[in-house]
């Protein structure tokens, strides 16, 4: 969005493709890693730290869980 609306010149096709697919790959990696950290069966302090770790790894997923 920055390159399209805030820059004075139009972004190159390489920027659009690399940024889009890089974001998709990074988002999938953080989603899968945060799912490995979370455990719905955990209780108490363990649950808190698992939820905190999952939130730090994947903030959007953390907001969705709240």
Protein backbone atom coordinates (compact mmCIF):
# COMPACT_ATOMS: atom_id res chain seq x y z
CA UNK A 1 0.00 0.00 0.00
CA UNK A 2 2.87 2.35 0.81
CA UNK A 3 4.45 1.92 -2.61
CA UNK A 4 1.17 2.49 -4.45
CA UNK A 5 -0.30 5.43 -2.54
CA UNK A 6 2.57 7.22 -0.78
CA UNK A 7 5.47 7.02 -3.22
CA UNK A 8 5.80 9.57 -6.01
CA UNK A 9 6.51 6.97 -8.69
CA UNK A 10 4.62 3.78 -9.46
CA UNK A 11 6.24 0.62 -8.01
CA UNK A 12 7.91 -1.87 -10.29
CA UNK A 13 6.23 -5.19 -11.04
CA UNK A 14 9.01 -6.92 -9.11
CA UNK A 15 8.14 -4.89 -6.00
CA UNK A 16 4.46 -5.77 -6.28
CA UNK A 17 5.06 -9.49 -6.81
CA UNK A 18 7.90 -9.96 -4.30
CA UNK A 19 6.19 -7.99 -1.55
CA UNK A 20 2.87 -9.77 -2.03
CA UNK A 21 4.23 -13.31 -2.13
CA UNK A 22 6.78 -12.58 0.59
CA UNK A 23 3.96 -11.38 2.83
CA UNK A 24 1.90 -14.47 2.07
CA UNK A 25 4.81 -16.76 2.91
CA UNK A 26 5.71 -14.89 6.10
CA UNK A 27 2.08 -14.84 7.22
CA UNK A 28 1.72 -18.59 6.69
CA UNK A 29 4.94 -19.30 8.57
CA UNK A 30 3.94 -17.20 11.57
CA UNK A 31 0.43 -18.69 11.58
CA UNK A 32 1.71 -22.28 11.60
CA UNK A 33 4.38 -21.56 14.20
CA UNK A 34 1.91 -19.86 16.54
CA UNK A 35 -0.46 -22.83 16.20
CA UNK A 36 2.36 -25.10 17.41
CA UNK A 37 2.83 -22.91 20.50
CA UNK A 38 -0.85 -22.74 21.48
CA UNK A 39 -2.56 -25.49 23.48
CA UNK A 40 -6.25 -25.15 24.36
CA UNK A 41 -5.97 -27.89 27.00
CA UNK A 42 -3.38 -25.95 29.04
CA UNK A 43 -4.52 -24.10 32.15
CA UNK A 44 -3.20 -21.42 34.47
CA UNK A 45 0.26 -19.94 34.04
CA UNK A 46 1.19 -22.33 31.23
CA UNK A 47 -1.88 -21.25 29.25
CA UNK A 48 -1.07 -17.57 29.82
CA UNK A 49 2.49 -17.90 28.55
CA UNK A 50 1.42 -20.01 25.58
CA UNK A 51 -1.19 -17.41 24.62
CA UNK A 52 1.35 -14.61 25.10
CA UNK A 53 3.92 -16.42 22.96
CA UNK A 54 1.35 -17.09 20.26
CA UNK A 55 0.33 -13.43 20.34
CA UNK A 56 3.93 -12.24 20.01
CA UNK A 57 4.55 -14.59 17.08
CA UNK A 58 1.27 -13.84 15.30
CA UNK A 59 -0.43 -10.66 16.60
CA UNK A 60 -3.40 -10.85 14.21
CA UNK A 61 -4.09 -14.42 15.27
CA UNK A 62 -3.82 -13.31 18.89
CA UNK A 63 -6.42 -10.59 18.40
CA UNK A 64 -8.68 -13.12 16.69
CA UNK A 65 -8.38 -15.45 19.70
CA UNK A 66 -9.35 -12.64 22.07
